[in-house]
PDB file of N, CA and C in Angstrom:
ATOM      1  N   MET A   1       7.088  87.062 -40.203  1.00  0.00           N
ATOM      2  CA  MET A   1       6.727  87.980 -39.607  1.00  0.00           C
ATOM      3  C   MET A   1       7.581  88.223 -38.883  1.00  0.00           C
ATOM      4  N   THR A   2       7.193  89.979 -38.740  1.00  0.00           N
ATOM      5  CA  THR A   2       8.174  90.836 -38.058  1.00  0.00           C
ATOM      6  C   THR A   2       7.965  91.562 -36.907  1.00  0.00           C
ATOM      7  N   ALA A   3       8.229  91.388 -36.313  1.00  0.00           N
ATOM      8  CA  ALA A   3       7.965  91.740 -34.544  1.00  0.00           C
ATOM      9  C   ALA A   3       9.273  93.380 -33.937  1.00  0.00           C
ATOM     10  N   ASP A   4       8.481  93.509 -33.042  1.00  0.00           N
ATOM     11  CA  ASP A   4       9.232  94.807 -32.611  1.00  0.00           C
ATOM     12  C   ASP A   4      10.219  94.570 -31.307  1.00  0.00           C
ATOM     13  N   ARG A   5      11.373  95.364 -30.756  1.00  0.00           N
ATOM     14  CA  ARG A   5      12.501  94.019 -29.665  1.00  0.00           C
ATOM     15  C   ARG A   5      11.469  94.337 -28.437  1.00  0.00           C
ATOM     16  N   HIS A   6      10.371  95.119 -27.863  1.00  0.00           N
ATOM     17  CA  HIS A   6       9.836  95.265 -26.506  1.00  0.00           C
ATOM     18  C   HIS A   6       9.066  93.722 -26.978  1.00  0.00           C
ATOM     19  N   SER A   7       8.424  93.435 -27.948  1.00  0.00           N
ATOM     20  CA  SER A   7       7.781  91.796 -28.189  1.00  0.00           C
ATOM     21  C   SER A   7       8.133  91.039 -28.298  1.00  0.00           C
ATOM     22  N   VAL A   8       9.684  90.714 -28.845  1.00  0.00           N
ATOM     23  CA  VAL A   8      10.621  90.016 -28.858  1.00  0.00           C
ATOM     24  C   VAL A   8      11.084  89.425 -27.591  1.00  0.00           C
ATOM     25  N   ASN A   9      11.182  90.600 -26.396  1.00  0.00           N
ATOM     26  CA  ASN A   9      12.208  90.325 -25.326  1.00  0.00           C
ATOM     27  C   ASN A   9      10.991  90.066 -24.269  1.00  0.00           C
ATOM     28  N   ARG A  10       9.559  90.967 -24.573  1.00  0.00           N
ATOM     29  CA  ARG A  10       8.413  89.863 -23.809  1.00  0.00           C
ATOM     30  C   ARG A  10       8.268  87.899 -24.088  1.00  0.00           C
ATOM     31  N   ALA A  11       8.527  88.149 -25.552  1.00  0.00           N
ATOM     32  CA  ALA A  11       8.292  87.058 -25.362  1.00  0.00           C
ATOM     33  C   ALA A  11       9.942  85.841 -24.824  1.00  0.00           C
ATOM     34  N   PHE A  12      11.154  86.415 -25.121  1.00  0.00           N
ATOM     35  CA  PHE A  12      11.691  85.635 -24.485  1.00  0.00           C
ATOM     36  C   PHE A  12      11.701  85.365 -22.572  1.00  0.00           C
ATOM     37  N   ARG A  13      11.043  86.564 -22.102  1.00  0.00           N
ATOM     38  CA  ARG A  13      11.214  86.201 -20.466  1.00  0.00           C
ATOM     39  C   ARG A  13       9.664  85.276 -20.415  1.00  0.00           C
ATOM     40  N   GLU A  14       8.585  85.266 -21.261  1.00  0.00           N
ATOM     41  CA  GLU A  14       7.371  83.926 -21.232  1.00  0.00           C
ATOM     42  C   GLU A  14       8.476  83.045 -21.068  1.00  0.00           C
ATOM     43  N   LEU A  15       9.124  82.709 -21.943  1.00  0.00           N
ATOM     44  CA  LEU A  15       9.636  81.208 -22.100  1.00  0.00           C
ATOM     45  C   LEU A  15      10.449  80.775 -21.295  1.00  0.00           C
ATOM     46  N   GLY A  16      10.982  81.727 -20.772  1.00  0.00           N
ATOM     47  CA  GLY A  16      12.586  81.849 -19.474  1.00  0.00           C
ATOM     48  C   GLY A  16      13.767  81.861 -19.871  1.00  0.00           C
ATOM     49  N   LEU A  17      13.608  82.528 -21.061  1.00  0.00           N
ATOM     50  CA  LEU A  17      14.993  82.535 -21.687  1.00  0.00           C
ATOM     51  C   LEU A  17      15.864  83.712 -21.124  1.00  0.00           C
ATOM     52  N   ARG A  18      16.439  83.664 -20.069  1.00  0.00           N
ATOM     53  CA  ARG A  18      17.127  84.970 -19.758  1.00  0.00           C
ATOM     54  C   ARG A  18      18.422  86.092 -20.556  1.00  0.00           C
ATOM     55  N   PHE A  19      18.048  86.156 -21.306  1.00  0.00           N
ATOM     56  CA  PHE A  19      18.468  87.607 -21.973  1.00  0.00           C
ATOM     57  C   PHE A  19      17.204  88.426 -22.695  1.00  0.00           C
ATOM     58  N   GLN A  20      17.748  89.873 -23.281  1.00  0.00           N
ATOM     59  CA  GLN A  20      17.302  90.497 -24.229  1.00  0.00           C
ATOM     60  C   GLN A  20      17.407  91.582 -24.955  1.00  0.00           C
ATOM     61  N   TRP A  21      16.998  91.894 -26.041  1.00  0.00           N
ATOM     62  CA  TRP A  21      17.718  92.264 -26.675  1.00  0.00           C
ATOM     63  C   TRP A  21      17.886  93.897 -26.661  1.00  0.00           C
ATOM     64  N   ASP A  22      18.988  94.562 -26.391  1.00  0.00           N
ATOM     65  CA  ASP A  22      18.856  95.776 -26.263  1.00  0.00           C
ATOM     66  C   ASP A  22      19.059  96.549 -27.062  1.00  0.00           C
ATOM     67  N   GLU A  23      18.810  98.254 -27.498  1.00  0.00           N
ATOM     68  CA  GLU A  23      18.282  99.241 -28.941  1.00  0.00           C
ATOM     69  C   GLU A  23      19.578  98.678 -29.991  1.00  0.00           C
ATOM     70  N   ARG A  24      21.164  98.825 -28.846  1.00  0.00           N
ATOM     71  CA  ARG A  24      22.413  97.875 -29.856  1.00  0.00           C
ATOM     72  C   ARG A  24      22.379  96.920 -30.992  1.00  0.00           C
ATOM     73  N   THR A  25      21.514  96.002 -30.513  1.00  0.00           N
ATOM     74  CA  THR A  25      21.831  94.913 -30.776  1.00  0.00           C
ATOM     75  C   THR A  25      20.040  94.806 -31.197  1.00  0.00           C
ATOM     76  N   TRP A  26      19.148  95.587 -31.162  1.00  0.00           N
ATOM     77  CA  TRP A  26      18.220  95.755 -31.751  1.00  0.00           C
ATOM     78  C   TRP A  26      18.796  96.039 -33.484  1.00  0.00           C
ATOM     79  N   ALA A  27      19.344  96.736 -33.400  1.00  0.00           N
ATOM     80  CA  ALA A  27      19.844  97.782 -35.087  1.00  0.00           C
ATOM     81  C   ALA A  27      20.720  97.072 -35.471  1.00  0.00           C
ATOM     82  N   GLU A  28      21.241  95.657 -34.730  1.00  0.00           N
ATOM     83  CA  GLU A  28      22.039  94.987 -35.352  1.00  0.00           C
ATOM     84  C   GLU A  28      21.112  94.050 -36.185  1.00  0.00           C
ATOM     85  N   LEU A  29      20.093  93.493 -35.771  1.00  0.00           N
ATOM     86  CA  LEU A  29      19.119  92.489 -36.193  1.00  0.00           C
ATOM     87  C   LEU A  29      18.073  92.827 -36.501  1.00  0.00           C
ATOM     88  N   CYS A  30      17.277  94.208 -36.768  1.00  0.00           N
ATOM     89  CA  CYS A  30      15.659  93.783 -37.247  1.00  0.00           C
ATOM     90  C   CYS A  30      16.575  94.542 -38.757  1.00  0.00           C
ATOM     91  N   ALA A  31      17.049  94.556 -39.375  1.00  0.00           N
ATOM     92  CA  ALA A  31      17.170  94.501 -40.601  1.00  0.00           C
ATOM     93  C   ALA A  31      16.412  92.633 -41.232  1.00  0.00           C
ATOM     94  N   MET A  32      16.768  91.673 -41.057  1.00  0.00           N
ATOM     95  CA  MET A  32      16.428  90.715 -40.876  1.00  0.00           C
ATOM     96  C   MET A  32      14.953  90.212 -40.704  1.00  0.00           C
ATOM     97  N   PRO A  33      14.915  89.565 -41.230  1.00  0.00           N
ATOM     98  CA  PRO A  33      13.425  89.378 -42.100  1.00  0.00           C
ATOM     99  C   PRO A  33      12.264  88.518 -40.955  1.00  0.00           C
ATOM    100  N   ASP A  34      13.137  87.789 -39.602  1.00  0.00           N
ATOM    101  CA  ASP A  34      11.866  87.272 -38.858  1.00  0.00           C
ATOM    102  C   ASP A  34      12.996  86.779 -37.844  1.00  0.00           C
ATOM    103  N   VAL A  35      12.259  86.820 -36.861  1.00  0.00           N
ATOM    104  CA  VAL A  35      12.976  86.546 -35.354  1.00  0.00           C
ATOM    105  C   VAL A  35      13.393  85.031 -35.576  1.00  0.00           C
ATOM    106  N   ARG A  36      12.679  83.702 -36.197  1.00  0.00           N
ATOM    107  CA  ARG A  36      14.091  83.008 -36.981  1.00  0.00           C
ATOM    108  C   ARG A  36      15.247  82.790 -37.164  1.00  0.00           C
ATOM    109  N   GLU A  37      15.136  84.660 -38.383  1.00  0.00           N
ATOM    110  CA  GLU A  37      17.059  84.124 -38.735  1.00  0.00           C
ATOM    111  C   GLU A  37      17.762  85.570 -37.818  1.00  0.00           C
ATOM    112  N   GLN A  38      16.925  86.097 -36.995  1.00  0.00           N
ATOM    113  CA  GLN A  38      17.720  86.931 -35.724  1.00  0.00           C
ATOM    114  C   GLN A  38      18.780  85.513 -34.819  1.00  0.00           C
ATOM    115  N   LEU A  39      17.564  84.919 -34.185  1.00  0.00           N
ATOM    116  CA  LEU A  39      17.975  83.685 -33.868  1.00  0.00           C
ATOM    117  C   LEU A  39      19.145  83.097 -34.099  1.00  0.00           C
ATOM    118  N   ARG A  40      19.130  83.163 -35.504  1.00  0.00           N
ATOM    119  CA  ARG A  40      20.678  82.223 -36.340  1.00  0.00           C
ATOM    120  C   ARG A  40      21.321  82.886 -35.940  1.00  0.00           C
ATOM    121  N   TYR A  41      21.637  84.348 -36.154  1.00  0.00           N
ATOM    122  CA  TYR A  41      22.802  85.184 -36.828  1.00  0.00           C
ATOM    123  C   TYR A  41      23.297  85.293 -35.003  1.00  0.00           C
ATOM    124  N   TYR A  42      22.070  85.727 -33.732  1.00  0.00           N
ATOM    125  CA  TYR A  42      22.526  85.866 -32.776  1.00  0.00           C
ATOM    126  C   TYR A  42      22.901  85.114 -31.964  1.00  0.00           C
ATOM    127  N   LEU A  43      23.021  83.786 -31.649  1.00  0.00           N
ATOM    128  CA  LEU A  43      22.860  82.766 -30.610  1.00  0.00           C
ATOM    129  C   LEU A  43      24.294  82.591 -30.737  1.00  0.00           C
ATOM    130  N   PRO A  44      24.829  81.770 -31.929  1.00  0.00           N
ATOM    131  CA  PRO A  44      26.155  81.895 -32.152  1.00  0.00           C
ATOM    132  C   PRO A  44      27.161  82.748 -30.981  1.00  0.00           C
ATOM    133  N   ARG A  45      26.730  83.929 -31.818  1.00  0.00           N
ATOM    134  CA  ARG A  45      27.953  85.117 -31.183  1.00  0.00           C
ATOM    135  C   ARG A  45      27.590  85.599 -29.866  1.00  0.00           C
ATOM    136  N   HIS A  46      26.543  85.288 -29.167  1.00  0.00           N
ATOM    137  CA  HIS A  46      26.223  86.044 -27.502  1.00  0.00           C
ATOM    138  C   HIS A  46      25.999  85.136 -26.510  1.00  0.00           C
ATOM    139  N   GLN A  47      25.145  83.722 -26.969  1.00  0.00           N
ATOM    140  CA  GLN A  47      24.220  82.919 -26.037  1.00  0.00           C
ATOM    141  C   GLN A  47      24.480  81.682 -26.843  1.00  0.00           C
ATOM    142  N   PRO A  48      26.124  81.149 -27.269  1.00  0.00           N
ATOM    143  CA  PRO A  48      26.879  79.852 -27.417  1.00  0.00           C
ATOM    144  C   PRO A  48      26.307  78.843 -26.538  1.00  0.00           C
ATOM    145  N   HIS A  49      26.388  79.116 -25.097  1.00  0.00           N
ATOM    146  CA  HIS A  49      25.977  77.703 -24.513  1.00  0.00           C
ATOM    147  C   HIS A  49      24.769  77.463 -24.622  1.00  0.00           C
ATOM    148  N   LEU A  50      23.679  78.328 -24.903  1.00  0.00           N
ATOM    149  CA  LEU A  50      22.248  77.695 -25.663  1.00  0.00           C
ATOM    150  C   LEU A  50      22.101  76.559 -26.456  1.00  0.00           C
ATOM    151  N   LEU A  51      23.355  76.645 -27.794  1.00  0.00           N
ATOM    152  CA  LEU A  51      22.757  76.078 -28.590  1.00  0.00           C
ATOM    153  C   LEU A  51      23.840  74.223 -28.451  1.00  0.00           C
ATOM    154  N   GLY A  52      24.225  74.434 -26.904  1.00  0.00           N
ATOM    155  CA  GLY A  52      24.586  72.788 -26.651  1.00  0.00           C
ATOM    156  C   GLY A  52      23.504  72.138 -25.861  1.00  0.00           C
ATOM    157  N   ALA A  53      22.292  72.532 -26.091  1.00  0.00           N
ATOM    158  CA  ALA A  53      20.718  72.317 -25.050  1.00  0.00           C
ATOM    159  C   ALA A  53      19.342  72.515 -26.442  1.00  0.00           C
ATOM    160  N   TYR A  54      19.992  73.525 -27.706  1.00  0.00           N
ATOM    161  CA  TYR A  54      18.994  73.218 -28.303  1.00  0.00           C
ATOM    162  C   TYR A  54      19.431  73.757 -29.481  1.00  0.00           C
ATOM    163  N   GLU A  55      18.653  73.299 -30.598  1.00  0.00           N
ATOM    164  CA  GLU A  55      18.592  73.835 -32.043  1.00  0.00           C
ATOM    165  C   GLU A  55      18.521  75.599 -32.479  1.00  0.00           C
ATOM    166  N   ALA A  56      19.067  76.598 -33.110  1.00  0.00           N
ATOM    167  CA  ALA A  56      18.855  77.340 -33.282  1.00  0.00           C
ATOM    168  C   ALA A  56      17.319  77.823 -34.283  1.00  0.00           C
ATOM    169  N   ASP A  57      17.043  76.659 -34.909  1.00  0.00           N
ATOM    170  CA  ASP A  57      15.904  76.665 -35.509  1.00  0.00           C
ATOM    171  C   ASP A  57      14.386  76.051 -34.535  1.00  0.00           C
ATOM    172  N   PHE A  58      15.017  75.308 -33.125  1.00  0.00           N
ATOM    173  CA  PHE A  58      14.010  75.314 -32.453  1.00  0.00           C
ATOM    174  C   PHE A  58      13.267  76.297 -31.595  1.00  0.00           C
ATOM    175  N   LEU A  59      14.716  77.131 -31.277  1.00  0.00           N
ATOM    176  CA  LEU A  59      14.361  77.946 -30.225  1.00  0.00           C
ATOM    177  C   LEU A  59      13.507  79.250 -30.702  1.00  0.00           C
ATOM    178  N   GLY A  60      14.366  79.334 -32.712  1.00  0.00           N
ATOM    179  CA  GLY A  60      13.217  80.406 -33.061  1.00  0.00           C
ATOM    180  C   GLY A  60      11.989  79.652 -33.858  1.00  0.00           C
ATOM    181  N   ASN A  61      11.565  78.949 -33.792  1.00  0.00           N
ATOM    182  CA  ASN A  61      10.363  78.334 -33.851  1.00  0.00           C
ATOM    183  C   ASN A  61       9.185  78.569 -33.122  1.00  0.00           C
ATOM    184  N   LEU A  62      10.237  78.592 -31.718  1.00  0.00           N
ATOM    185  CA  LEU A  62       9.271  78.467 -30.615  1.00  0.00           C
ATOM    186  C   LEU A  62       9.112  80.180 -29.762  1.00  0.00           C
ATOM    187  N   VAL A  63      10.018  81.193 -30.754  1.00  0.00           N
ATOM    188  CA  VAL A  63       9.990  83.034 -29.606  1.00  0.00           C
ATOM    189  C   VAL A  63       9.139  83.080 -31.397  1.00  0.00           C
ATOM    190  N   ALA A  64       8.701  82.393 -32.106  1.00  0.00           N
ATOM    191  CA  ALA A  64       8.055  82.851 -33.570  1.00  0.00           C
ATOM    192  C   ALA A  64       6.269  83.010 -32.857  1.00  0.00           C
ATOM    193  N   GLN A  65       6.236  81.522 -32.417  1.00  0.00           N
ATOM    194  CA  GLN A  65       5.555  80.914 -31.953  1.00  0.00           C
ATOM    195  C   GLN A  65       4.674  81.439 -30.426  1.00  0.00           C
ATOM    196  N   GLN A  66       5.242  81.995 -29.908  1.00  0.00           N
ATOM    197  CA  GLN A  66       4.740  82.580 -28.588  1.00  0.00           C
ATOM    198  C   GLN A  66       4.174  84.594 -29.146  1.00  0.00           C
ATOM    199  N   LEU A  67       5.435  84.614 -30.269  1.00  0.00           N
ATOM    200  CA  LEU A  67       5.014  86.417 -30.637  1.00  0.00           C
ATOM    201  C   LEU A  67       3.765  86.237 -31.509  1.00  0.00           C
ATOM    202  N   ALA A  68       2.994  85.093 -32.307  1.00  0.00           N
ATOM    203  CA  ALA A  68       2.272  84.780 -32.154  1.00  0.00           C
ATOM    204  C   ALA A  68       1.167  84.712 -31.764  1.00  0.00           C
ATOM    205  N   HIS A  69       0.936  84.497 -30.585  1.00  0.00           N
ATOM    206  CA  HIS A  69       0.244  84.207 -29.068  1.00  0.00           C
ATOM    207  C   HIS A  69       0.778  84.935 -27.930  1.00  0.00           C
ATOM    208  N   PRO A  70       0.617  86.058 -28.753  1.00  0.00           N
ATOM    209  CA  PRO A  70       1.230  86.220 -26.712  1.00  0.00           C
ATOM    210  C   PRO A  70      -0.206  86.660 -25.628  1.00  0.00           C
ATOM    211  N   GLY A  71       0.446  86.327 -24.339  1.00  0.00           N
ATOM    212  CA  GLY A  71      -0.046  86.190 -23.543  1.00  0.00           C
ATOM    213  C   GLY A  71      -0.748  85.355 -23.579  1.00  0.00           C
ATOM    214  N   GLY A  72      -1.320  84.420 -24.641  1.00  0.00           N
ATOM    215  CA  GLY A  72      -1.808  82.877 -24.497  1.00  0.00           C
ATOM    216  C   GLY A  72      -1.346  82.426 -24.440  1.00  0.00           C
ATOM    217  N   THR A  73      -1.482  80.938 -23.989  1.00  0.00           N
ATOM    218  CA  THR A  73      -0.722  79.871 -22.950  1.00  0.00           C
ATOM    219  C   THR A  73       0.777  79.942 -23.784  1.00  0.00           C
ATOM    220  N   GLU A  74       0.973  80.470 -22.471  1.00  0.00           N
ATOM    221  CA  GLU A  74       2.938  79.995 -22.073  1.00  0.00           C
ATOM    222  C   GLU A  74       3.518  78.930 -22.289  1.00  0.00           C
ATOM    223  N   LEU A  75       4.539  78.916 -23.477  1.00  0.00           N
ATOM    224  CA  LEU A  75       5.496  77.618 -23.787  1.00  0.00           C
ATOM    225  C   LEU A  75       6.613  77.749 -22.297  1.00  0.00           C
ATOM    226  N   SER A  76       7.194  77.278 -22.012  1.00  0.00           N
ATOM    227  CA  SER A  76       8.720  77.865 -21.328  1.00  0.00           C
ATOM    228  C   SER A  76       9.826  76.920 -21.618  1.00  0.00           C
ATOM    229  N   LEU A  77      10.828  76.769 -21.211  1.00  0.00           N
ATOM    230  CA  LEU A  77      11.608  76.075 -21.486  1.00  0.00           C
ATOM    231  C   LEU A  77      12.367  75.596 -20.033  1.00  0.00           C
ATOM    232  N   GLU A  78      12.065  76.428 -19.123  1.00  0.00           N
ATOM    233  CA  GLU A  78      11.954  76.263 -17.655  1.00  0.00           C
ATOM    234  C   GLU A  78      11.633  74.773 -17.139  1.00  0.00           C
ATOM    235  N   ALA A  79      12.272  73.606 -16.414  1.00  0.00           N
ATOM    236  CA  ALA A  79      11.957  72.533 -15.712  1.00  0.00           C
ATOM    237  C   ALA A  79      10.807  73.287 -14.364  1.00  0.00           C
TER     238      ALA A  79
END
């Protein structure tokens, strides 16, 4: 599933992830097939500390799930 940058950023906020993709980052990532691939590429380069707590695939699946059900039941990484 492909999503637009604003939808992805909304999913990040809803999940409690404290980063957003700006236009420059989005331009680098938007050619990738889905948010899972985008996060596999992005996280080690820009948010490597998250990979100490979560696997990229876990976060990718969580964001994809949030994108599939926007404004529905909020999932969260925050305790």
